[in-house]
Amino acid sequence: MPVPDGTGSRPRALTGEVPDPGSPPPGCRFHPRCPLAVDRCRTDEPVLLGLPGAAESEVACWVAQAGEPAAVG
């Protein structure tokens, strides 16, 4: 799949089982499948806030809101 920015990279996809929507996990609903999840993700549900350094962008992610690097291979 071509990427418009020409980098040749593809978007990352979450792997693993999708949780039961009738009984979502505590904290962030994506933490069981997210490679960036930290302890807070497992207990506190993130709120939608502006993304630091990105005008008009919002994210509901503790890691992104903290400005932590996304060091995933």
PDB file of N, CA and C in Angstrom:
ATOM      1  N   MET A   1       0.845  -1.170   0.000  1.00  0.00           N
ATOM      2  CA  MET A   1       0.000   0.000   0.000  1.00  0.00           C
ATOM      3  C   MET A   1       0.894   1.239   0.000  1.00  0.00           C
ATOM      4  N   PRO A   2       0.794   2.104  -0.998  1.00  0.00           N
ATOM      5  CA  PRO A   2       1.618   3.312  -1.038  1.00  0.00           C
ATOM      6  C   PRO A   2       1.244   4.276   0.090  1.00  0.00           C
ATOM      7  N   VAL A   3       2.225   5.050   0.536  1.00  0.00           N
ATOM      8  CA  VAL A   3       2.010   6.043   1.576  1.00  0.00           C
ATOM      9  C   VAL A   3       2.219   7.415   0.954  1.00  0.00           C
ATOM     10  N   PRO A   4       1.257   8.350   1.136  1.00  0.00           N
ATOM     11  CA  PRO A   4       1.350   9.657   0.479  1.00  0.00           C
ATOM     12  C   PRO A   4       2.616  10.442   0.790  1.00  0.00           C
ATOM     13  N   ASP A   5       3.212  10.273   1.966  1.00  0.00           N
ATOM     14  CA  ASP A   5       4.396  11.068   2.290  1.00  0.00           C
ATOM     15  C   ASP A   5       5.676  10.510   1.665  1.00  0.00           C
ATOM     16  N   GLY A   6       5.579   9.362   1.000  1.00  0.00           N
ATOM     17  CA  GLY A   6       6.714   8.806   0.293  1.00  0.00           C
ATOM     18  C   GLY A   6       7.729   8.081   1.158  1.00  0.00           C
ATOM     19  N   THR A   7       7.439   7.870   2.437  1.00  0.00           N
ATOM     20  CA  THR A   7       8.412   7.204   3.311  1.00  0.00           C
ATOM     21  C   THR A   7       8.424   5.701   3.099  1.00  0.00           C
ATOM     22  N   GLY A   8       7.352   5.177   2.527  1.00  0.00           N
ATOM     23  CA  GLY A   8       7.281   3.747   2.311  1.00  0.00           C
ATOM     24  C   GLY A   8       6.812   2.982   3.535  1.00  0.00           C
ATOM     25  N   SER A   9       6.576   3.688   4.650  1.00  0.00           N
ATOM     26  CA  SER A   9       6.117   2.991   5.848  1.00  0.00           C
ATOM     27  C   SER A   9       4.605   2.830   5.819  1.00  0.00           C
ATOM     28  N   ARG A  10       4.147   1.851   6.557  1.00  0.00           N
ATOM     29  CA  ARG A  10       2.710   1.585   6.628  1.00  0.00           C
ATOM     30  C   ARG A  10       2.223   1.875   8.037  1.00  0.00           C
ATOM     31  N   PRO A  11       0.950   2.222   8.187  1.00  0.00           N
ATOM     32  CA  PRO A  11       0.420   2.451   9.532  1.00  0.00           C
ATOM     33  C   PRO A  11       0.501   1.174  10.361  1.00  0.00           C
ATOM     34  N   ARG A  12       0.737   1.331  11.661  1.00  0.00           N
ATOM     35  CA  ARG A  12       0.774   0.175  12.556  1.00  0.00           C
ATOM     36  C   ARG A  12      -0.640  -0.296  12.835  1.00  0.00           C
ATOM     37  N   ALA A  13      -0.807  -1.572  12.931  1.00  0.00           N
ATOM     38  CA  ALA A  13      -2.109  -2.151  13.265  1.00  0.00           C
ATOM     39  C   ALA A  13      -1.998  -2.825  14.621  1.00  0.00           C
ATOM     40  N   LEU A  14      -3.055  -2.723  15.399  1.00  0.00           N
ATOM     41  CA  LEU A  14      -3.084  -3.406  16.683  1.00  0.00           C
ATOM     42  C   LEU A  14      -3.259  -4.892  16.442  1.00  0.00           C
ATOM     43  N   THR A  15      -2.585  -5.687  17.236  1.00  0.00           N
ATOM     44  CA  THR A  15      -2.717  -7.134  17.135  1.00  0.00           C
ATOM     45  C   THR A  15      -3.406  -7.656  18.385  1.00  0.00           C
ATOM     46  N   GLY A  16      -3.772  -8.899  18.384  1.00  0.00           N
ATOM     47  CA  GLY A  16      -4.404  -9.498  19.549  1.00  0.00           C
ATOM     48  C   GLY A  16      -5.913  -9.522  19.438  1.00  0.00           C
ATOM     49  N   GLU A  17      -6.541 -10.025  20.471  1.00  0.00           N
ATOM     50  CA  GLU A  17      -7.997 -10.161  20.503  1.00  0.00           C
ATOM     51  C   GLU A  17      -8.685  -8.843  20.846  1.00  0.00           C
ATOM     52  N   VAL A  18      -9.755  -8.547  20.146  1.00  0.00           N
ATOM     53  CA  VAL A  18     -10.565  -7.370  20.450  1.00  0.00           C
ATOM     54  C   VAL A  18     -11.378  -7.691  21.695  1.00  0.00           C
ATOM     55  N   PRO A  19     -11.368  -6.783  22.711  1.00  0.00           N
ATOM     56  CA  PRO A  19     -12.113  -7.067  23.930  1.00  0.00           C
ATOM     57  C   PRO A  19     -13.626  -7.063  23.694  1.00  0.00           C
ATOM     58  N   ASP A  20     -14.349  -7.727  24.571  1.00  0.00           N
ATOM     59  CA  ASP A  20     -15.808  -7.775  24.523  1.00  0.00           C
ATOM     60  C   ASP A  20     -16.351  -6.365  24.758  1.00  0.00           C
ATOM     61  N   PRO A  21     -17.099  -5.788  23.800  1.00  0.00           N
ATOM     62  CA  PRO A  21     -17.616  -4.424  23.977  1.00  0.00           C
ATOM     63  C   PRO A  21     -18.588  -4.311  25.151  1.00  0.00           C
ATOM     64  N   GLY A  22     -19.199  -5.408  25.545  1.00  0.00           N
ATOM     65  CA  GLY A  22     -20.106  -5.388  26.687  1.00  0.00           C
ATOM     66  C   GLY A  22     -19.377  -5.394  28.015  1.00  0.00           C
ATOM     67  N   SER A  23     -18.100  -5.737  27.987  1.00  0.00           N
ATOM     68  CA  SER A  23     -17.289  -5.796  29.199  1.00  0.00           C
ATOM     69  C   SER A  23     -15.870  -5.335  28.869  1.00  0.00           C
ATOM     70  N   PRO A  24     -15.708  -4.030  28.576  1.00  0.00           N
ATOM     71  CA  PRO A  24     -14.379  -3.548  28.198  1.00  0.00           C
ATOM     72  C   PRO A  24     -13.405  -3.631  29.375  1.00  0.00           C
ATOM     73  N   PRO A  25     -12.112  -3.686  29.080  1.00  0.00           N
ATOM     74  CA  PRO A  25     -11.130  -3.738  30.160  1.00  0.00           C
ATOM     75  C   PRO A  25     -11.098  -2.411  30.918  1.00  0.00           C
ATOM     76  N   PRO A  26     -10.606  -2.418  32.156  1.00  0.00           N
ATOM     77  CA  PRO A  26     -10.477  -1.150  32.888  1.00  0.00           C
ATOM     78  C   PRO A  26      -9.409  -0.281  32.240  1.00  0.00           C
ATOM     79  N   GLY A  27      -9.477   0.999  32.484  1.00  0.00           N
ATOM     80  CA  GLY A  27      -8.495   1.923  31.913  1.00  0.00           C
ATOM     81  C   GLY A  27      -8.755   2.152  30.438  1.00  0.00           C
ATOM     82  N   CYS A  28      -7.701   2.302  29.682  1.00  0.00           N
ATOM     83  CA  CYS A  28      -7.818   2.499  28.241  1.00  0.00           C
ATOM     84  C   CYS A  28      -8.291   1.203  27.585  1.00  0.00           C
ATOM     85  N   ARG A  29      -9.259   1.314  26.724  1.00  0.00           N
ATOM     86  CA  ARG A  29      -9.814   0.130  26.063  1.00  0.00           C
ATOM     87  C   ARG A  29      -8.816  -0.549  25.136  1.00  0.00           C
ATOM     88  N   PHE A  30      -7.775   0.149  24.748  1.00  0.00           N
ATOM     89  CA  PHE A  30      -6.779  -0.415  23.832  1.00  0.00           C
ATOM     90  C   PHE A  30      -5.575  -1.019  24.544  1.00  0.00           C
ATOM     91  N   HIS A  31      -5.439  -0.844  25.866  1.00  0.00           N
ATOM     92  CA  HIS A  31      -4.202  -1.258  26.534  1.00  0.00           C
ATOM     93  C   HIS A  31      -3.843  -2.737  26.376  1.00  0.00           C
ATOM     94  N   PRO A  32      -4.802  -3.660  26.286  1.00  0.00           N
ATOM     95  CA  PRO A  32      -4.373  -5.056  26.119  1.00  0.00           C
ATOM     96  C   PRO A  32      -3.664  -5.321  24.788  1.00  0.00           C
ATOM     97  N   ARG A  33      -3.881  -4.457  23.795  1.00  0.00           N
ATOM     98  CA  ARG A  33      -3.289  -4.674  22.467  1.00  0.00           C
ATOM     99  C   ARG A  33      -2.278  -3.610  22.082  1.00  0.00           C
ATOM    100  N   CYS A  34      -2.060  -2.615  22.926  1.00  0.00           N
ATOM    101  CA  CYS A  34      -1.185  -1.491  22.577  1.00  0.00           C
ATOM    102  C   CYS A  34       0.255  -1.750  22.997  1.00  0.00           C
ATOM    103  N   PRO A  35       1.205  -1.648  22.066  1.00  0.00           N
ATOM    104  CA  PRO A  35       2.608  -1.882  22.409  1.00  0.00           C
ATOM    105  C   PRO A  35       3.207  -0.748  23.247  1.00  0.00           C
ATOM    106  N   LEU A  36       2.518   0.393  23.371  1.00  0.00           N
ATOM    107  CA  LEU A  36       3.027   1.535  24.124  1.00  0.00           C
ATOM    108  C   LEU A  36       2.410   1.650  25.513  1.00  0.00           C
ATOM    109  N   ALA A  37       1.516   0.735  25.881  1.00  0.00           N
ATOM    110  CA  ALA A  37       0.786   0.838  27.146  1.00  0.00           C
ATOM    111  C   ALA A  37       1.727   0.892  28.348  1.00  0.00           C
ATOM    112  N   VAL A  38       1.389   1.780  29.285  1.00  0.00           N
ATOM    113  CA  VAL A  38       2.102   1.917  30.551  1.00  0.00           C
ATOM    114  C   VAL A  38       1.120   1.582  31.673  1.00  0.00           C
ATOM    115  N   ASP A  39       1.591   1.525  32.906  1.00  0.00           N
ATOM    116  CA  ASP A  39       0.731   1.139  34.028  1.00  0.00           C
ATOM    117  C   ASP A  39      -0.546   1.966  34.114  1.00  0.00           C
ATOM    118  N   ARG A  40      -0.443   3.273  33.895  1.00  0.00           N
ATOM    119  CA  ARG A  40      -1.625   4.141  33.986  1.00  0.00           C
ATOM    120  C   ARG A  40      -2.703   3.730  32.982  1.00  0.00           C
ATOM    121  N   CYS A  41      -2.313   3.223  31.831  1.00  0.00           N
ATOM    122  CA  CYS A  41      -3.264   2.796  30.798  1.00  0.00           C
ATOM    123  C   CYS A  41      -4.158   1.660  31.306  1.00  0.00           C
ATOM    124  N   ARG A  42      -3.630   0.859  32.208  1.00  0.00           N
ATOM    125  CA  ARG A  42      -4.365  -0.299  32.722  1.00  0.00           C
ATOM    126  C   ARG A  42      -5.373   0.062  33.808  1.00  0.00           C
ATOM    127  N   THR A  43      -5.277   1.289  34.353  1.00  0.00           N
ATOM    128  CA  THR A  43      -6.158   1.667  35.460  1.00  0.00           C
ATOM    129  C   THR A  43      -7.025   2.882  35.194  1.00  0.00           C
ATOM    130  N   ASP A  44      -6.514   3.867  34.447  1.00  0.00           N
ATOM    131  CA  ASP A  44      -7.236   5.131  34.232  1.00  0.00           C
ATOM    132  C   ASP A  44      -7.647   5.276  32.775  1.00  0.00           C
ATOM    133  N   GLU A  45      -8.918   5.570  32.552  1.00  0.00           N
ATOM    134  CA  GLU A  45      -9.393   5.802  31.186  1.00  0.00           C
ATOM    135  C   GLU A  45      -8.932   7.185  30.734  1.00  0.00           C
ATOM    136  N   PRO A  46      -8.237   7.285  29.610  1.00  0.00           N
ATOM    137  CA  PRO A  46      -7.766   8.590  29.153  1.00  0.00           C
ATOM    138  C   PRO A  46      -8.918   9.459  28.656  1.00  0.00           C
ATOM    139  N   VAL A  47      -8.741  10.762  28.794  1.00  0.00           N
ATOM    140  CA  VAL A  47      -9.734  11.717  28.309  1.00  0.00           C
ATOM    141  C   VAL A  47      -9.217  12.363  27.031  1.00  0.00           C
ATOM    142  N   LEU A  48     -10.122  12.836  26.202  1.00  0.00           N
ATOM    143  CA  LEU A  48      -9.752  13.463  24.940  1.00  0.00           C
ATOM    144  C   LEU A  48      -9.236  14.873  25.217  1.00  0.00           C
ATOM    145  N   LEU A  49      -7.965  15.093  24.904  1.00  0.00           N
ATOM    146  CA  LEU A  49      -7.318  16.387  25.119  1.00  0.00           C
ATOM    147  C   LEU A  49      -6.499  16.771  23.901  1.00  0.00           C
ATOM    148  N   GLY A  50      -6.133  18.052  23.831  1.00  0.00           N
ATOM    149  CA  GLY A  50      -5.274  18.514  22.755  1.00  0.00           C
ATOM    150  C   GLY A  50      -3.919  17.841  22.829  1.00  0.00           C
ATOM    151  N   LEU A  51      -3.349  17.538  21.690  1.00  0.00           N
ATOM    152  CA  LEU A  51      -2.042  16.894  21.602  1.00  0.00           C
ATOM    153  C   LEU A  51      -0.960  17.966  21.653  1.00  0.00           C
ATOM    154  N   PRO A  52      -0.042  17.892  22.634  1.00  0.00           N
ATOM    155  CA  PRO A  52       1.006  18.915  22.740  1.00  0.00           C
ATOM    156  C   PRO A  52       1.821  19.037  21.450  1.00  0.00           C
ATOM    157  N   GLY A  53       1.969  20.250  20.992  1.00  0.00           N
ATOM    158  CA  GLY A  53       2.785  20.494  19.815  1.00  0.00           C
ATOM    159  C   GLY A  53       2.103  20.230  18.482  1.00  0.00           C
ATOM    160  N   ALA A  54       0.816  19.903  18.505  1.00  0.00           N
ATOM    161  CA  ALA A  54       0.094  19.625  17.256  1.00  0.00           C
ATOM    162  C   ALA A  54      -1.218  20.411  17.266  1.00  0.00           C
ATOM    163  N   ALA A  55      -1.211  21.537  16.599  1.00  0.00           N
ATOM    164  CA  ALA A  55      -2.389  22.391  16.567  1.00  0.00           C
ATOM    165  C   ALA A  55      -3.603  21.653  16.001  1.00  0.00           C
ATOM    166  N   GLU A  56      -4.721  21.834  16.654  1.00  0.00           N
ATOM    167  CA  GLU A  56      -6.003  21.267  16.226  1.00  0.00           C
ATOM    168  C   GLU A  56      -6.024  19.747  16.192  1.00  0.00           C
ATOM    169  N   SER A  57      -5.182  19.097  16.998  1.00  0.00           N
ATOM    170  CA  SER A  57      -5.186  17.635  17.079  1.00  0.00           C
ATOM    171  C   SER A  57      -5.552  17.231  18.494  1.00  0.00           C
ATOM    172  N   GLU A  58      -6.351  16.187  18.613  1.00  0.00           N
ATOM    173  CA  GLU A  58      -6.745  15.682  19.917  1.00  0.00           C
ATOM    174  C   GLU A  58      -6.442  14.190  19.994  1.00  0.00           C
ATOM    175  N   VAL A  59      -6.198  13.729  21.210  1.00  0.00           N
ATOM    176  CA  VAL A  59      -5.882  12.325  21.409  1.00  0.00           C
ATOM    177  C   VAL A  59      -6.362  11.902  22.797  1.00  0.00           C
ATOM    178  N   ALA A  60      -6.816  10.670  22.917  1.00  0.00           N
ATOM    179  CA  ALA A  60      -7.168  10.091  24.210  1.00  0.00           C
ATOM    180  C   ALA A  60      -6.156   8.992  24.485  1.00  0.00           C
ATOM    181  N   CYS A  61      -4.944   9.398  24.875  1.00  0.00           N
ATOM    182  CA  CYS A  61      -3.843   8.453  25.098  1.00  0.00           C
ATOM    183  C   CYS A  61      -2.911   9.052  26.143  1.00  0.00           C
ATOM    184  N   TRP A  62      -2.686   8.318  27.244  1.00  0.00           N
ATOM    185  CA  TRP A  62      -1.810   8.823  28.299  1.00  0.00           C
ATOM    186  C   TRP A  62      -0.381   9.000  27.805  1.00  0.00           C
ATOM    187  N   VAL A  63       0.113   8.104  26.976  1.00  0.00           N
ATOM    188  CA  VAL A  63       1.493   8.188  26.502  1.00  0.00           C
ATOM    189  C   VAL A  63       1.680   9.413  25.604  1.00  0.00           C
ATOM    190  N   ALA A  64       0.747   9.620  24.680  1.00  0.00           N
ATOM    191  CA  ALA A  64       0.848  10.762  23.763  1.00  0.00           C
ATOM    192  C   ALA A  64       0.695  12.083  24.515  1.00  0.00           C
ATOM    193  N   GLN A  65      -0.205  12.131  25.485  1.00  0.00           N
ATOM    194  CA  GLN A  65      -0.423  13.369  26.242  1.00  0.00           C
ATOM    195  C   GLN A  65       0.760  13.718  27.122  1.00  0.00           C
ATOM    196  N   ALA A  66       1.515  12.697  27.542  1.00  0.00           N
ATOM    197  CA  ALA A  66       2.696  12.932  28.373  1.00  0.00           C
ATOM    198  C   ALA A  66       3.892  13.344  27.529  1.00  0.00           C
ATOM    199  N   GLY A  67       3.754  13.200  26.202  1.00  0.00           N
ATOM    200  CA  GLY A  67       4.858  13.530  25.312  1.00  0.00           C
ATOM    201  C   GLY A  67       5.984  12.527  25.348  1.00  0.00           C
ATOM    202  N   GLU A  68       5.670  11.306  25.775  1.00  0.00           N
ATOM    203  CA  GLU A  68       6.691  10.261  25.831  1.00  0.00           C
ATOM    204  C   GLU A  68       7.002   9.765  24.428  1.00  0.00           C
ATOM    205  N   PRO A  69       8.236   9.429  24.169  1.00  0.00           N
ATOM    206  CA  PRO A  69       8.593   8.939  22.821  1.00  0.00           C
ATOM    207  C   PRO A  69       7.938   7.602  22.519  1.00  0.00           C
ATOM    208  N   ALA A  70       7.556   7.436  21.291  1.00  0.00           N
ATOM    209  CA  ALA A  70       6.931   6.196  20.843  1.00  0.00           C
ATOM    210  C   ALA A  70       7.992   5.304  20.217  1.00  0.00           C
ATOM    211  N   ALA A  71       8.784   4.691  21.048  1.00  0.00           N
ATOM    212  CA  ALA A  71       9.894   3.864  20.569  1.00  0.00           C
ATOM    213  C   ALA A  71       9.434   2.432  20.352  1.00  0.00           C
ATOM    214  N   VAL A  72       8.815   2.206  19.217  1.00  0.00           N
ATOM    215  CA  VAL A  72       8.351   0.874  18.876  1.00  0.00           C
ATOM    216  C   VAL A  72       8.983   0.489  17.553  1.00  0.00           C
ATOM    217  N   GLY A  73       9.544  -0.704  17.488  1.00  0.00           N
ATOM    218  CA  GLY A  73      10.219  -1.162  16.285  1.00  0.00           C
ATOM    219  C   GLY A  73       9.269  -1.485  15.267  1.00  0.00           C
TER     220      GLY A  73
END
